[in-house]
Amino acid sequence: MSLDKEKIKHVAKLARISLDEAKVNSLTKDLNSIFKFIEQLNELNTDKVEPLTSILNESLRYRKDQIKDGKIRDKILKNSPQQNEEFFVVPKVVE
C-alpha cells in the first residue's frame, strides 16, 4: 500500500488539518515508509510463535491486601468547608 500526495491532502482535509506543501511531502514519505515496514512484518511466519502476556517468564507474585490509611484523616477533613464527624458534607445534587 502506498499513499500519494492527494490522499494525504484528502485525509488532512477530513481531519481539518492545514498542511503546507513541504509538510505534505514529508508526511507522504514518512507514511509510505511506515506502510512498507508493516508489509514486511506481515510477511513473517508467526505460526509457531505463542502470544505473550508479558516479556518476563515469571508469574505475578501475589501480595496481601493491606489497608494503609496514612493516619491523616483529620488533616484531610480540615480541608472540608463542612464536616459531620468523619465525613465530608456535600450539597445534594439529585432530587
Protein backbone atom coordinates (compact mmCIF):
# COMPACT_ATOMS: atom_id res chain seq x y z
CA MET A 1 0.00 0.00 0.00
CA SER A 2 1.29 3.44 -0.78
CA LEU A 3 -0.09 6.89 -0.31
CA ASP A 4 0.21 9.76 -2.73
CA LYS A 5 0.05 13.48 -2.02
CA GLU A 6 -3.61 13.69 -2.98
CA LYS A 7 -4.61 11.07 -0.41
CA ILE A 8 -2.61 12.88 2.27
CA LYS A 9 -4.31 16.17 1.40
CA HIS A 10 -7.72 14.47 1.42
CA VAL A 11 -7.17 12.94 4.87
CA ALA A 12 -5.85 16.27 6.16
CA LYS A 13 -8.99 17.99 4.87
CA LEU A 14 -11.23 15.40 6.56
CA ALA A 15 -9.30 15.88 9.80
CA ARG A 16 -9.46 19.67 9.36
CA ILE A 17 -5.67 19.95 9.50
CA SER A 18 -3.92 22.55 7.42
CA LEU A 19 -0.72 21.32 5.78
CA ASP A 20 1.72 23.22 3.62
CA GLU A 21 3.33 21.54 0.61
CA ALA A 22 6.57 20.75 2.47
CA LYS A 23 4.65 19.00 5.25
CA VAL A 24 2.61 17.03 2.69
CA ASN A 25 5.83 15.82 1.05
CA SER A 26 7.32 14.88 4.42
CA LEU A 27 4.18 13.03 5.55
CA THR A 28 3.91 11.18 2.25
CA LYS A 29 7.49 9.94 2.59
CA ASP A 30 7.12 9.03 6.28
CA LEU A 31 3.78 7.23 5.95
CA ASN A 32 4.94 5.25 2.91
CA SER A 33 7.99 4.18 4.91
CA ILE A 34 5.75 3.05 7.77
CA PHE A 35 3.43 1.11 5.46
CA LYS A 36 6.43 -0.56 3.80
CA PHE A 37 7.66 -1.73 7.21
CA ILE A 38 4.16 -3.04 8.10
CA GLU A 39 4.11 -5.03 4.86
CA GLN A 40 7.46 -6.57 5.82
CA LEU A 41 6.04 -7.56 9.20
CA ASN A 42 3.03 -9.17 7.53
CA GLU A 43 5.35 -11.44 5.55
CA LEU A 44 6.80 -13.00 8.71
CA ASN A 45 5.74 -16.55 9.56
CA THR A 46 4.41 -16.44 13.12
CA ASP A 47 2.56 -19.76 13.11
CA LYS A 48 4.76 -21.35 15.79
CA VAL A 49 5.09 -18.23 17.93
CA GLU A 50 2.89 -18.19 21.01
CA PRO A 51 1.34 -14.91 22.07
CA LEU A 52 2.94 -13.19 25.05
CA THR A 53 1.16 -11.79 28.04
CA SER A 54 4.42 -10.48 29.44
CA ILE A 55 8.06 -10.30 28.41
CA LEU A 56 9.02 -12.00 31.67
CA ASN A 57 8.88 -15.74 32.22
CA GLU A 58 7.73 -15.25 35.78
CA SER A 59 4.20 -15.31 37.06
CA LEU A 60 2.92 -12.41 39.09
CA ARG A 61 3.63 -12.52 42.77
CA TYR A 62 0.57 -12.12 44.96
CA ARG A 63 0.61 -9.88 47.98
CA LYS A 64 -1.80 -9.42 50.82
CA ASP A 65 -4.17 -6.50 50.59
CA GLN A 66 -3.40 -4.19 53.44
CA ILE A 67 -5.29 -1.07 54.37
CA LYS A 68 -2.95 1.85 54.79
CA ASP A 69 -4.94 4.94 55.66
CA GLY A 70 -1.87 7.04 56.38
CA LYS A 71 -3.35 8.27 59.66
CA ILE A 72 -4.18 11.64 58.08
CA ARG A 73 -7.98 11.66 58.25
CA ASP A 74 -8.01 14.75 60.46
CA LYS A 75 -5.74 16.67 58.09
CA ILE A 76 -7.95 15.79 55.14
CA LEU A 77 -11.16 16.77 56.95
CA LYS A 78 -9.66 20.17 57.79
CA ASN A 79 -9.86 20.98 54.06
CA SER A 80 -13.62 20.49 54.05
CA PRO A 81 -15.82 23.55 54.49
CA GLN A 82 -18.32 21.39 56.34
CA GLN A 83 -17.96 18.01 58.00
CA ASN A 84 -20.02 15.57 60.01
CA GLU A 85 -17.87 13.51 62.37
CA GLU A 86 -15.62 11.55 59.98
CA PHE A 87 -17.26 12.52 56.68
CA PHE A 88 -17.40 15.39 54.22
CA VAL A 89 -20.76 17.11 53.89
CA VAL A 90 -21.59 17.93 50.28
CA PRO A 91 -24.65 19.57 48.73
CA LYS A 92 -27.37 17.31 47.41
CA VAL A 93 -27.27 17.13 43.61
CA VAL A 94 -30.01 14.58 42.82
CA GLU A 95 -33.59 15.03 43.87
